[in-house]
Amino acid sequence: MKEAGFMYVVRFWVAPQARGAVMGWLEGGHVAEVVGQPGFLWCRQLDLGERDERGWAAYAMIYGIESGAAFDAYRADAALAEKFAAEREPFARQLRMERWGGSVVLAVDRPR
């Protein structure tokens, strides 16, 4: 896995009845399209094993990005943001998201 200097994390909760549709959208091309943006290196999806008070399941996507500048360019792409917002619209009442990112300040690998 290529070293990332910046991480972008999207934590999201999905209503039980929407899980299949949301995961289908993510796995059916959305994640690949995000990772295909300049400077994006990889993505890992986590099942956080949590449920909120309504029974919504918690997940996270962690994206490795070459730099904060690449992340800033991604966030500044208004056409891409509009496209992704339109794709999420069918899930507006069944998907809740939080996003944040930051520069990697510590990376520890297991000794070989």
PDB file of N, CA and C in Angstrom:
ATOM      1  N   MET A   1       0.857  -1.166   0.000  1.00  0.00           N
ATOM      2  CA  MET A   1       0.000   0.000   0.000  1.00  0.00           C
ATOM      3  C   MET A   1       0.907   1.234   0.000  1.00  0.00           C
ATOM      4  N   LYS A   2       0.635   2.144  -0.910  1.00  0.00           N
ATOM      5  CA  LYS A   2       1.435   3.356  -1.019  1.00  0.00           C
ATOM      6  C   LYS A   2       1.220   4.263   0.184  1.00  0.00           C
ATOM      7  N   GLU A   3       2.286   4.871   0.647  1.00  0.00           N
ATOM      8  CA  GLU A   3       2.257   5.757   1.819  1.00  0.00           C
ATOM      9  C   GLU A   3       1.397   6.992   1.541  1.00  0.00           C
ATOM     10  N   ALA A   4       0.523   7.311   2.463  1.00  0.00           N
ATOM     11  CA  ALA A   4      -0.359   8.468   2.345  1.00  0.00           C
ATOM     12  C   ALA A   4       0.090   9.542   3.324  1.00  0.00           C
ATOM     13  N   GLY A   5       0.144  10.778   2.868  1.00  0.00           N
ATOM     14  CA  GLY A   5       0.501  11.886   3.737  1.00  0.00           C
ATOM     15  C   GLY A   5      -0.715  12.571   4.337  1.00  0.00           C
ATOM     16  N   PHE A   6      -1.902  12.165   3.871  1.00  0.00           N
ATOM     17  CA  PHE A   6      -3.146  12.787   4.318  1.00  0.00           C
ATOM     18  C   PHE A   6      -4.220  11.706   4.358  1.00  0.00           C
ATOM     19  N   MET A   7      -5.097  11.780   5.331  1.00  0.00           N
ATOM     20  CA  MET A   7      -6.213  10.835   5.438  1.00  0.00           C
ATOM     21  C   MET A   7      -7.526  11.598   5.424  1.00  0.00           C
ATOM     22  N   TYR A   8      -8.487  11.036   4.733  1.00  0.00           N
ATOM     23  CA  TYR A   8      -9.847  11.568   4.685  1.00  0.00           C
ATOM     24  C   TYR A   8     -10.759  10.480   5.227  1.00  0.00           C
ATOM     25  N   VAL A   9     -11.546  10.807   6.234  1.00  0.00           N
ATOM     26  CA  VAL A   9     -12.415   9.832   6.884  1.00  0.00           C
ATOM     27  C   VAL A   9     -13.867  10.274   6.720  1.00  0.00           C
ATOM     28  N   VAL A  10     -14.693   9.344   6.283  1.00  0.00           N
ATOM     29  CA  VAL A  10     -16.131   9.567   6.186  1.00  0.00           C
ATOM     30  C   VAL A  10     -16.792   8.523   7.076  1.00  0.00           C
ATOM     31  N   ARG A  11     -17.371   8.974   8.175  1.00  0.00           N
ATOM     32  CA  ARG A  11     -18.125   8.064   9.033  1.00  0.00           C
ATOM     33  C   ARG A  11     -19.594   8.258   8.677  1.00  0.00           C
ATOM     34  N   PHE A  12     -20.294   7.133   8.516  1.00  0.00           N
ATOM     35  CA  PHE A  12     -21.690   7.252   8.116  1.00  0.00           C
ATOM     36  C   PHE A  12     -22.547   6.183   8.775  1.00  0.00           C
ATOM     37  N   TRP A  13     -23.826   6.520   8.924  1.00  0.00           N
ATOM     38  CA  TRP A  13     -24.824   5.625   9.491  1.00  0.00           C
ATOM     39  C   TRP A  13     -25.872   5.378   8.417  1.00  0.00           C
ATOM     40  N   VAL A  14     -26.318   4.136   8.322  1.00  0.00           N
ATOM     41  CA  VAL A  14     -27.271   3.747   7.288  1.00  0.00           C
ATOM     42  C   VAL A  14     -28.488   3.110   7.950  1.00  0.00           C
ATOM     43  N   ALA A  15     -29.678   3.550   7.530  1.00  0.00           N
ATOM     44  CA  ALA A  15     -30.914   2.941   8.006  1.00  0.00           C
ATOM     45  C   ALA A  15     -30.960   1.484   7.533  1.00  0.00           C
ATOM     46  N   PRO A  16     -31.487   0.580   8.363  1.00  0.00           N
ATOM     47  CA  PRO A  16     -31.487  -0.839   7.994  1.00  0.00           C
ATOM     48  C   PRO A  16     -32.106  -1.120   6.627  1.00  0.00           C
ATOM     49  N   GLN A  17     -33.202  -0.460   6.303  1.00  0.00           N
ATOM     50  CA  GLN A  17     -33.878  -0.720   5.030  1.00  0.00           C
ATOM     51  C   GLN A  17     -33.114  -0.189   3.820  1.00  0.00           C
ATOM     52  N   ALA A  18     -32.114   0.654   4.047  1.00  0.00           N
ATOM     53  CA  ALA A  18     -31.358   1.249   2.940  1.00  0.00           C
ATOM     54  C   ALA A  18     -29.970   0.650   2.775  1.00  0.00           C
ATOM     55  N   ARG A  19     -29.588  -0.265   3.653  1.00  0.00           N
ATOM     56  CA  ARG A  19     -28.221  -0.790   3.627  1.00  0.00           C
ATOM     57  C   ARG A  19     -27.833  -1.332   2.249  1.00  0.00           C
ATOM     58  N   GLY A  20     -28.649  -2.164   1.672  1.00  0.00           N
ATOM     59  CA  GLY A  20     -28.321  -2.750   0.366  1.00  0.00           C
ATOM     60  C   GLY A  20     -28.127  -1.708  -0.714  1.00  0.00           C
ATOM     61  N   ALA A  21     -29.028  -0.737  -0.764  1.00  0.00           N
ATOM     62  CA  ALA A  21     -28.936   0.303  -1.792  1.00  0.00           C
ATOM     63  C   ALA A  21     -27.715   1.187  -1.589  1.00  0.00           C
ATOM     64  N   VAL A  22     -27.460   1.586  -0.343  1.00  0.00           N
ATOM     65  CA  VAL A  22     -26.306   2.459  -0.074  1.00  0.00           C
ATOM     66  C   VAL A  22     -25.006   1.726  -0.372  1.00  0.00           C
ATOM     67  N   MET A  23     -24.877   0.499   0.124  1.00  0.00           N
ATOM     68  CA  MET A  23     -23.649  -0.255  -0.125  1.00  0.00           C
ATOM     69  C   MET A  23     -23.485  -0.566  -1.610  1.00  0.00           C
ATOM     70  N   GLY A  24     -24.588  -0.809  -2.291  1.00  0.00           N
ATOM     71  CA  GLY A  24     -24.517  -1.022  -3.743  1.00  0.00           C
ATOM     72  C   GLY A  24     -23.998   0.194  -4.472  1.00  0.00           C
ATOM     73  N   TRP A  25     -24.448   1.387  -4.053  1.00  0.00           N
ATOM     74  CA  TRP A  25     -23.955   2.621  -4.659  1.00  0.00           C
ATOM     75  C   TRP A  25     -22.463   2.793  -4.381  1.00  0.00           C
ATOM     76  N   LEU A  26     -22.054   2.584  -3.119  1.00  0.00           N
ATOM     77  CA  LEU A  26     -20.641   2.750  -2.770  1.00  0.00           C
ATOM     78  C   LEU A  26     -19.758   1.766  -3.531  1.00  0.00           C
ATOM     79  N   GLU A  27     -20.119   0.491  -3.462  1.00  0.00           N
ATOM     80  CA  GLU A  27     -19.301  -0.564  -4.068  1.00  0.00           C
ATOM     81  C   GLU A  27     -19.465  -0.631  -5.581  1.00  0.00           C
ATOM     82  N   GLY A  28     -20.578  -0.081  -6.082  1.00  0.00           N
ATOM     83  CA  GLY A  28     -20.857  -0.140  -7.509  1.00  0.00           C
ATOM     84  C   GLY A  28     -20.165   0.911  -8.339  1.00  0.00           C
ATOM     85  N   GLY A  29     -19.332   1.724  -7.727  1.00  0.00           N
ATOM     86  CA  GLY A  29     -18.586   2.687  -8.512  1.00  0.00           C
ATOM     87  C   GLY A  29     -18.213   3.971  -7.790  1.00  0.00           C
ATOM     88  N   HIS A  30     -18.986   4.359  -6.771  1.00  0.00           N
ATOM     89  CA  HIS A  30     -18.680   5.634  -6.116  1.00  0.00           C
ATOM     90  C   HIS A  30     -17.283   5.646  -5.496  1.00  0.00           C
ATOM     91  N   VAL A  31     -16.964   4.615  -4.722  1.00  0.00           N
ATOM     92  CA  VAL A  31     -15.645   4.585  -4.066  1.00  0.00           C
ATOM     93  C   VAL A  31     -14.538   4.573  -5.116  1.00  0.00           C
ATOM     94  N   ALA A  32     -14.698   3.781  -6.156  1.00  0.00           N
ATOM     95  CA  ALA A  32     -13.685   3.734  -7.226  1.00  0.00           C
ATOM     96  C   ALA A  32     -13.531   5.104  -7.888  1.00  0.00           C
ATOM     97  N   GLU A  33     -14.633   5.834  -8.052  1.00  0.00           N
ATOM     98  CA  GLU A  33     -14.545   7.163  -8.655  1.00  0.00           C
ATOM     99  C   GLU A  33     -13.790   8.125  -7.738  1.00  0.00           C
ATOM    100  N   VAL A  34     -14.034   8.044  -6.439  1.00  0.00           N
ATOM    101  CA  VAL A  34     -13.310   8.905  -5.503  1.00  0.00           C
ATOM    102  C   VAL A  34     -11.826   8.551  -5.526  1.00  0.00           C
ATOM    103  N   VAL A  35     -11.503   7.264  -5.430  1.00  0.00           N
ATOM    104  CA  VAL A  35     -10.099   6.838  -5.423  1.00  0.00           C
ATOM    105  C   VAL A  35      -9.409   7.176  -6.756  1.00  0.00           C
ATOM    106  N   GLY A  36     -10.181   7.329  -7.809  1.00  0.00           N
ATOM    107  CA  GLY A  36      -9.624   7.709  -9.103  1.00  0.00           C
ATOM    108  C   GLY A  36      -9.267   9.180  -9.231  1.00  0.00           C
ATOM    109  N   GLN A  37      -9.596   9.976  -8.214  1.00  0.00           N
ATOM    110  CA  GLN A  37      -9.268  11.405  -8.259  1.00  0.00           C
ATOM    111  C   GLN A  37      -7.762  11.597  -8.070  1.00  0.00           C
ATOM    112  N   PRO A  38      -7.205  12.647  -8.676  1.00  0.00           N
ATOM    113  CA  PRO A  38      -5.767  12.890  -8.553  1.00  0.00           C
ATOM    114  C   PRO A  38      -5.313  12.940  -7.095  1.00  0.00           C
ATOM    115  N   GLY A  39      -4.280  12.177  -6.786  1.00  0.00           N
ATOM    116  CA  GLY A  39      -3.701  12.168  -5.453  1.00  0.00           C
ATOM    117  C   GLY A  39      -4.298  11.139  -4.510  1.00  0.00           C
ATOM    118  N   PHE A  40      -5.468  10.591  -4.826  1.00  0.00           N
ATOM    119  CA  PHE A  40      -6.056   9.551  -3.974  1.00  0.00           C
ATOM    120  C   PHE A  40      -5.355   8.235  -4.255  1.00  0.00           C
ATOM    121  N   LEU A  41      -5.049   7.499  -3.201  1.00  0.00           N
ATOM    122  CA  LEU A  41      -4.243   6.285  -3.324  1.00  0.00           C
ATOM    123  C   LEU A  41      -5.021   5.006  -3.069  1.00  0.00           C
ATOM    124  N   TRP A  42      -5.889   5.015  -2.072  1.00  0.00           N
ATOM    125  CA  TRP A  42      -6.614   3.805  -1.689  1.00  0.00           C
ATOM    126  C   TRP A  42      -7.770   4.168  -0.771  1.00  0.00           C
ATOM    127  N   CYS A  43      -8.627   3.186  -0.522  1.00  0.00           N
ATOM    128  CA  CYS A  43      -9.736   3.347   0.414  1.00  0.00           C
ATOM    129  C   CYS A  43      -9.937   2.040   1.159  1.00  0.00           C
ATOM    130  N   ARG A  44     -10.297   2.143   2.419  1.00  0.00           N
ATOM    131  CA  ARG A  44     -10.669   0.986   3.232  1.00  0.00           C
ATOM    132  C   ARG A  44     -12.011   1.298   3.874  1.00  0.00           C
ATOM    133  N   GLN A  45     -12.930   0.346   3.791  1.00  0.00           N
ATOM    134  CA  GLN A  45     -14.232   0.506   4.428  1.00  0.00           C
ATOM    135  C   GLN A  45     -14.259  -0.321   5.700  1.00  0.00           C
ATOM    136  N   LEU A  46     -14.768   0.272   6.774  1.00  0.00           N
ATOM    137  CA  LEU A  46     -14.869  -0.409   8.056  1.00  0.00           C
ATOM    138  C   LEU A  46     -16.326  -0.554   8.457  1.00  0.00           C
ATOM    139  N   ASP A  47     -16.675  -1.711   8.976  1.00  0.00           N
ATOM    140  CA  ASP A  47     -17.950  -1.893   9.668  1.00  0.00           C
ATOM    141  C   ASP A  47     -17.627  -1.614  11.124  1.00  0.00           C
ATOM    142  N   LEU A  48     -18.146  -0.536  11.676  1.00  0.00           N
ATOM    143  CA  LEU A  48     -17.795  -0.125  13.026  1.00  0.00           C
ATOM    144  C   LEU A  48     -18.502  -0.951  14.100  1.00  0.00           C
ATOM    145  N   GLY A  49     -19.411  -1.818  13.692  1.00  0.00           N
ATOM    146  CA  GLY A  49     -20.068  -2.702  14.644  1.00  0.00           C
ATOM    147  C   GLY A  49     -20.920  -1.972  15.661  1.00  0.00           C
ATOM    148  N   GLU A  50     -21.425  -0.807  15.296  1.00  0.00           N
ATOM    149  CA  GLU A  50     -22.232   0.011  16.204  1.00  0.00           C
ATOM    150  C   GLU A  50     -23.604   0.244  15.590  1.00  0.00           C
ATOM    151  N   ARG A  51     -24.566   0.463  16.442  1.00  0.00           N
ATOM    152  CA  ARG A  51     -25.905   0.864  16.025  1.00  0.00           C
ATOM    153  C   ARG A  51     -26.283   2.097  16.846  1.00  0.00           C
ATOM    154  N   ASP A  52     -26.955   3.040  16.205  1.00  0.00           N
ATOM    155  CA  ASP A  52     -27.427   4.201  16.956  1.00  0.00           C
ATOM    156  C   ASP A  52     -28.779   3.881  17.593  1.00  0.00           C
ATOM    157  N   GLU A  53     -29.390   4.878  18.214  1.00  0.00           N
ATOM    158  CA  GLU A  53     -30.657   4.662  18.923  1.00  0.00           C
ATOM    159  C   GLU A  53     -31.803   4.235  18.012  1.00  0.00           C
ATOM    160  N   ARG A  54     -31.672   4.474  16.695  1.00  0.00           N
ATOM    161  CA  ARG A  54     -32.708   4.066  15.740  1.00  0.00           C
ATOM    162  C   ARG A  54     -32.389   2.739  15.065  1.00  0.00           C
ATOM    163  N   GLY A  55     -31.240   2.155  15.417  1.00  0.00           N
ATOM    164  CA  GLY A  55     -30.839   0.899  14.803  1.00  0.00           C
ATOM    165  C   GLY A  55     -30.038   1.057  13.530  1.00  0.00           C
ATOM    166  N   TRP A  56     -29.629   2.276  13.224  1.00  0.00           N
ATOM    167  CA  TRP A  56     -28.828   2.518  12.028  1.00  0.00           C
ATOM    168  C   TRP A  56     -27.411   1.990  12.261  1.00  0.00           C
ATOM    169  N   ALA A  57     -26.837   1.342  11.262  1.00  0.00           N
ATOM    170  CA  ALA A  57     -25.489   0.773  11.356  1.00  0.00           C
ATOM    171  C   ALA A  57     -24.433   1.823  11.018  1.00  0.00           C
ATOM    172  N   ALA A  58     -23.313   1.764  11.750  1.00  0.00           N
ATOM    173  CA  ALA A  58     -22.218   2.720  11.554  1.00  0.00           C
ATOM    174  C   ALA A  58     -21.091   2.082  10.744  1.00  0.00           C
ATOM    175  N   TYR A  59     -20.569   2.838   9.797  1.00  0.00           N
ATOM    176  CA  TYR A  59     -19.458   2.437   8.943  1.00  0.00           C
ATOM    177  C   TYR A  59     -18.500   3.607   8.814  1.00  0.00           C
ATOM    178  N   ALA A  60     -17.329   3.338   8.276  1.00  0.00           N
ATOM    179  CA  ALA A  60     -16.388   4.414   7.954  1.00  0.00           C
ATOM    180  C   ALA A  60     -15.632   4.048   6.691  1.00  0.00           C
ATOM    181  N   MET A  61     -15.317   5.056   5.925  1.00  0.00           N
ATOM    182  CA  MET A  61     -14.434   4.929   4.770  1.00  0.00           C
ATOM    183  C   MET A  61     -13.195   5.743   5.121  1.00  0.00           C
ATOM    184  N   ILE A  62     -12.038   5.147   4.973  1.00  0.00           N
ATOM    185  CA  ILE A  62     -10.783   5.851   5.205  1.00  0.00           C
ATOM    186  C   ILE A  62     -10.036   5.885   3.874  1.00  0.00           C
ATOM    187  N   TYR A  63      -9.775   7.087   3.400  1.00  0.00           N
ATOM    188  CA  TYR A  63      -9.072   7.284   2.128  1.00  0.00           C
ATOM    189  C   TYR A  63      -7.653   7.748   2.416  1.00  0.00           C
ATOM    190  N   GLY A  64      -6.685   7.118   1.777  1.00  0.00           N
ATOM    191  CA  GLY A  64      -5.308   7.575   1.825  1.00  0.00           C
ATOM    192  C   GLY A  64      -5.054   8.475   0.627  1.00  0.00           C
ATOM    193  N   ILE A  65      -4.489   9.634   0.896  1.00  0.00           N
ATOM    194  CA  ILE A  65      -4.267  10.643  -0.146  1.00  0.00           C
ATOM    195  C   ILE A  65      -2.817  11.096  -0.071  1.00  0.00           C
ATOM    196  N   GLU A  66      -2.235  11.411  -1.202  1.00  0.00           N
ATOM    197  CA  GLU A  66      -0.831  11.821  -1.239  1.00  0.00           C
ATOM    198  C   GLU A  66      -0.559  13.048  -0.378  1.00  0.00           C
ATOM    199  N   SER A  67      -1.469  14.038  -0.419  1.00  0.00           N
ATOM    200  CA  SER A  67      -1.178  15.307   0.258  1.00  0.00           C
ATOM    201  C   SER A  67      -2.451  16.078   0.573  1.00  0.00           C
ATOM    202  N   GLY A  68      -2.312  17.041   1.452  1.00  0.00           N
ATOM    203  CA  GLY A  68      -3.411  17.942   1.742  1.00  0.00           C
ATOM    204  C   GLY A  68      -3.807  18.764   0.521  1.00  0.00           C
ATOM    205  N   ALA A  69      -2.839  19.082  -0.326  1.00  0.00           N
ATOM    206  CA  ALA A  69      -3.138  19.843  -1.545  1.00  0.00           C
ATOM    207  C   ALA A  69      -4.046  19.041  -2.476  1.00  0.00           C
ATOM    208  N   ALA A  70      -3.810  17.736  -2.583  1.00  0.00           N
ATOM    209  CA  ALA A  70      -4.669  16.887  -3.415  1.00  0.00           C
ATOM    210  C   ALA A  70      -6.081  16.839  -2.833  1.00  0.00           C
ATOM    211  N   PHE A  71      -6.183  16.765  -1.511  1.00  0.00           N
ATOM    212  CA  PHE A  71      -7.486  16.776  -0.853  1.00  0.00           C
ATOM    213  C   PHE A  71      -8.195  18.110  -1.095  1.00  0.00           C
ATOM    214  N   ASP A  72      -7.466  19.206  -0.965  1.00  0.00           N
ATOM    215  CA  ASP A  72      -8.052  20.531  -1.192  1.00  0.00           C
ATOM    216  C   ASP A  72      -8.576  20.655  -2.620  1.00  0.00           C
ATOM    217  N   ALA A  73      -7.830  20.125  -3.584  1.00  0.00           N
ATOM    218  CA  ALA A  73      -8.268  20.173  -4.984  1.00  0.00           C
ATOM    219  C   ALA A  73      -9.547  19.357  -5.171  1.00  0.00           C
ATOM    220  N   TYR A  74      -9.613  18.211  -4.534  1.00  0.00           N
ATOM    221  CA  TYR A  74     -10.816  17.371  -4.594  1.00  0.00           C
ATOM    222  C   TYR A  74     -12.014  18.135  -4.009  1.00  0.00           C
ATOM    223  N   ARG A  75     -11.838  18.734  -2.850  1.00  0.00           N
ATOM    224  CA  ARG A  75     -12.929  19.461  -2.194  1.00  0.00           C
ATOM    225  C   ARG A  75     -13.341  20.722  -2.971  1.00  0.00           C
ATOM    226  N   ALA A  76     -12.432  21.268  -3.761  1.00  0.00           N
ATOM    227  CA  ALA A  76     -12.725  22.479  -4.530  1.00  0.00           C
ATOM    228  C   ALA A  76     -13.442  22.190  -5.848  1.00  0.00           C
ATOM    229  N   ASP A  77     -13.560  20.929  -6.222  1.00  0.00           N
ATOM    230  CA  ASP A  77     -14.190  20.555  -7.488  1.00  0.00           C
ATOM    231  C   ASP A  77     -15.708  20.609  -7.334  1.00  0.00           C
ATOM    232  N   ALA A  78     -16.289  21.748  -7.649  1.00  0.00           N
ATOM    233  CA  ALA A  78     -17.726  21.969  -7.450  1.00  0.00           C
ATOM    234  C   ALA A  78     -18.569  21.021  -8.294  1.00  0.00           C
ATOM    235  N   ALA A  79     -18.145  20.748  -9.512  1.00  0.00           N
ATOM    236  CA  ALA A  79     -18.915  19.846 -10.377  1.00  0.00           C
ATOM    237  C   ALA A  79     -18.955  18.436  -9.787  1.00  0.00           C
ATOM    238  N   LEU A  80     -17.836  17.978  -9.266  1.00  0.00           N
ATOM    239  CA  LEU A  80     -17.789  16.649  -8.653  1.00  0.00           C
ATOM    240  C   LEU A  80     -18.646  16.611  -7.384  1.00  0.00           C
ATOM    241  N   ALA A  81     -18.572  17.648  -6.565  1.00  0.00           N
ATOM    242  CA  ALA A  81     -19.386  17.717  -5.341  1.00  0.00           C
ATOM    243  C   ALA A  81     -20.866  17.695  -5.686  1.00  0.00           C
ATOM    244  N   GLU A  82     -21.244  18.405  -6.719  1.00  0.00           N
ATOM    245  CA  GLU A  82     -22.645  18.431  -7.152  1.00  0.00           C
ATOM    246  C   GLU A  82     -23.086  17.054  -7.648  1.00  0.00           C
ATOM    247  N   LYS A  83     -22.236  16.394  -8.398  1.00  0.00           N
ATOM    248  CA  LYS A  83     -22.535  15.047  -8.903  1.00  0.00           C
ATOM    249  C   LYS A  83     -22.742  14.081  -7.743  1.00  0.00           C
ATOM    250  N   PHE A  84     -21.826  14.087  -6.778  1.00  0.00           N
ATOM    251  CA  PHE A  84     -21.933  13.173  -5.641  1.00  0.00           C
ATOM    252  C   PHE A  84     -23.161  13.492  -4.786  1.00  0.00           C
ATOM    253  N   ALA A  85     -23.483  14.765  -4.633  1.00  0.00           N
ATOM    254  CA  ALA A  85     -24.676  15.147  -3.870  1.00  0.00           C
ATOM    255  C   ALA A  85     -25.936  14.613  -4.560  1.00  0.00           C
ATOM    256  N   ALA A  86     -25.975  14.706  -5.872  1.00  0.00           N
ATOM    257  CA  ALA A  86     -27.132  14.190  -6.611  1.00  0.00           C
ATOM    258  C   ALA A  86     -27.234  12.668  -6.473  1.00  0.00           C
ATOM    259  N   GLU A  87     -26.083  11.979  -6.464  1.00  0.00           N
ATOM    260  CA  GLU A  87     -26.093  10.523  -6.300  1.00  0.00           C
ATOM    261  C   GLU A  87     -26.580  10.116  -4.910  1.00  0.00           C
ATOM    262  N   ARG A  88     -26.278  10.923  -3.897  1.00  0.00           N
ATOM    263  CA  ARG A  88     -26.702  10.637  -2.513  1.00  0.00           C
ATOM    264  C   ARG A  88     -28.156  10.989  -2.261  1.00  0.00           C
ATOM    265  N   GLU A  89     -28.734  11.817  -3.083  1.00  0.00           N
ATOM    266  CA  GLU A  89     -30.089  12.326  -2.857  1.00  0.00           C
ATOM    267  C   GLU A  89     -31.123  11.224  -2.593  1.00  0.00           C
ATOM    268  N   PRO A  90     -31.123  10.111  -3.308  1.00  0.00           N
ATOM    269  CA  PRO A  90     -32.119   9.072  -3.009  1.00  0.00           C
ATOM    270  C   PRO A  90     -32.025   8.518  -1.584  1.00  0.00           C
ATOM    271  N   PHE A  91     -30.887   8.713  -0.941  1.00  0.00           N
ATOM    272  CA  PHE A  91     -30.672   8.200   0.417  1.00  0.00           C
ATOM    273  C   PHE A  91     -30.745   9.303   1.473  1.00  0.00           C
ATOM    274  N   ALA A  92     -31.220  10.466   1.111  1.00  0.00           N
ATOM    275  CA  ALA A  92     -31.165  11.639   1.994  1.00  0.00           C
ATOM    276  C   ALA A  92     -31.751  11.379   3.379  1.00  0.00           C
ATOM    277  N   ARG A  93     -32.789  10.579   3.478  1.00  0.00           N
ATOM    278  CA  ARG A  93     -33.429  10.322   4.772  1.00  0.00           C
ATOM    279  C   ARG A  93     -32.986   9.007   5.396  1.00  0.00           C
ATOM    280  N   GLN A  94     -32.033   8.343   4.739  1.00  0.00           N
ATOM    281  CA  GLN A  94     -31.603   7.026   5.211  1.00  0.00           C
ATOM    282  C   GLN A  94     -30.091   6.922   5.393  1.00  0.00           C
ATOM    283  N   LEU A  95     -29.420   8.062   5.272  1.00  0.00           N
ATOM    284  CA  LEU A  95     -27.962   8.091   5.345  1.00  0.00           C
ATOM    285  C   LEU A  95     -27.542   9.362   6.067  1.00  0.00           C
ATOM    286  N   ARG A  96     -26.698   9.214   7.076  1.00  0.00           N
ATOM    287  CA  ARG A  96     -26.169  10.362   7.825  1.00  0.00           C
ATOM    288  C   ARG A  96     -24.649  10.266   7.781  1.00  0.00           C
ATOM    289  N   MET A  97     -23.969  11.382   7.490  1.00  0.00           N
ATOM    290  CA  MET A  97     -22.523  11.339   7.301  1.00  0.00           C
ATOM    291  C   MET A  97     -21.807  12.439   8.072  1.00  0.00           C
ATOM    292  N   GLU A  98     -20.577  12.117   8.475  1.00  0.00           N
ATOM    293  CA  GLU A  98     -19.625  13.083   9.026  1.00  0.00           C
ATOM    294  C   GLU A  98     -18.333  12.909   8.236  1.00  0.00           C
ATOM    295  N   ARG A  99     -17.632  14.003   7.989  1.00  0.00           N
ATOM    296  CA  ARG A  99     -16.375  13.921   7.225  1.00  0.00           C
ATOM    297  C   ARG A  99     -15.312  14.769   7.901  1.00  0.00           C
ATOM    298  N   TRP A 100     -14.098  14.284   7.854  1.00  0.00           N
ATOM    299  CA  TRP A 100     -12.966  15.087   8.309  1.00  0.00           C
ATOM    300  C   TRP A 100     -11.695  14.517   7.689  1.00  0.00           C
ATOM    301  N   GLY A 101     -10.656  15.316   7.729  1.00  0.00           N
ATOM    302  CA  GLY A 101      -9.381  14.876   7.187  1.00  0.00           C
ATOM    303  C   GLY A 101      -8.245  15.565   7.900  1.00  0.00           C
ATOM    304  N   GLY A 102      -7.053  15.020   7.701  1.00  0.00           N
ATOM    305  CA  GLY A 102      -5.893  15.626   8.323  1.00  0.00           C
ATOM    306  C   GLY A 102      -4.598  15.016   7.829  1.00  0.00           C
ATOM    307  N   SER A 103      -3.540  15.745   8.047  1.00  0.00           N
ATOM    308  CA  SER A 103      -2.209  15.280   7.668  1.00  0.00           C
ATOM    309  C   SER A 103      -1.743  14.189   8.618  1.00  0.00           C
ATOM    310  N   VAL A 104      -1.051  13.229   8.080  1.00  0.00           N
ATOM    311  CA  VAL A 104      -0.494  12.154   8.895  1.00  0.00           C
ATOM    312  C   VAL A 104       0.693  12.717   9.663  1.00  0.00           C
ATOM    313  N   VAL A 105       0.662  12.585  10.976  1.00  0.00           N
ATOM    314  CA  VAL A 105       1.757  13.083  11.809  1.00  0.00           C
ATOM    315  C   VAL A 105       2.540  11.946  12.451  1.00  0.00           C
ATOM    316  N   LEU A 106       1.976  10.743  12.432  1.00  0.00           N
ATOM    317  CA  LEU A 106       2.673   9.584  12.979  1.00  0.00           C
ATOM    318  C   LEU A 106       2.228   8.349  12.218  1.00  0.00           C
ATOM    319  N   ALA A 107       3.182   7.573  11.788  1.00  0.00           N
ATOM    320  CA  ALA A 107       2.909   6.284  11.135  1.00  0.00           C
ATOM    321  C   ALA A 107       3.861   5.260  11.723  1.00  0.00           C
ATOM    322  N   VAL A 108       3.321   4.215  12.285  1.00  0.00           N
ATOM    323  CA  VAL A 108       4.146   3.186  12.903  1.00  0.00           C
ATOM    324  C   VAL A 108       3.860   1.862  12.205  1.00  0.00           C
ATOM    325  N   ASP A 109       4.876   1.258  11.664  1.00  0.00           N
ATOM    326  CA  ASP A 109       4.754  -0.045  11.029  1.00  0.00           C
ATOM    327  C   ASP A 109       5.262  -1.131  11.961  1.00  0.00           C
ATOM    328  N   ARG A 110       4.713  -2.271  11.825  1.00  0.00           N
ATOM    329  CA  ARG A 110       5.173  -3.422  12.607  1.00  0.00           C
ATOM    330  C   ARG A 110       6.588  -3.778  12.196  1.00  0.00           C
ATOM    331  N   PRO A 111       7.459  -4.017  13.166  1.00  0.00           N
ATOM    332  CA  PRO A 111       8.828  -4.412  12.804  1.00  0.00           C
ATOM    333  C   PRO A 111       8.807  -5.726  12.027  1.00  0.00           C
ATOM    334  N   ARG A 112       9.721  -5.854  11.112  1.00  0.00           N
ATOM    335  CA  ARG A 112       9.790  -7.077  10.300  1.00  0.00           C
ATOM    336  C   ARG A 112      10.742  -8.057  10.908  1.00  0.00           C
TER     337      ARG A 112
END
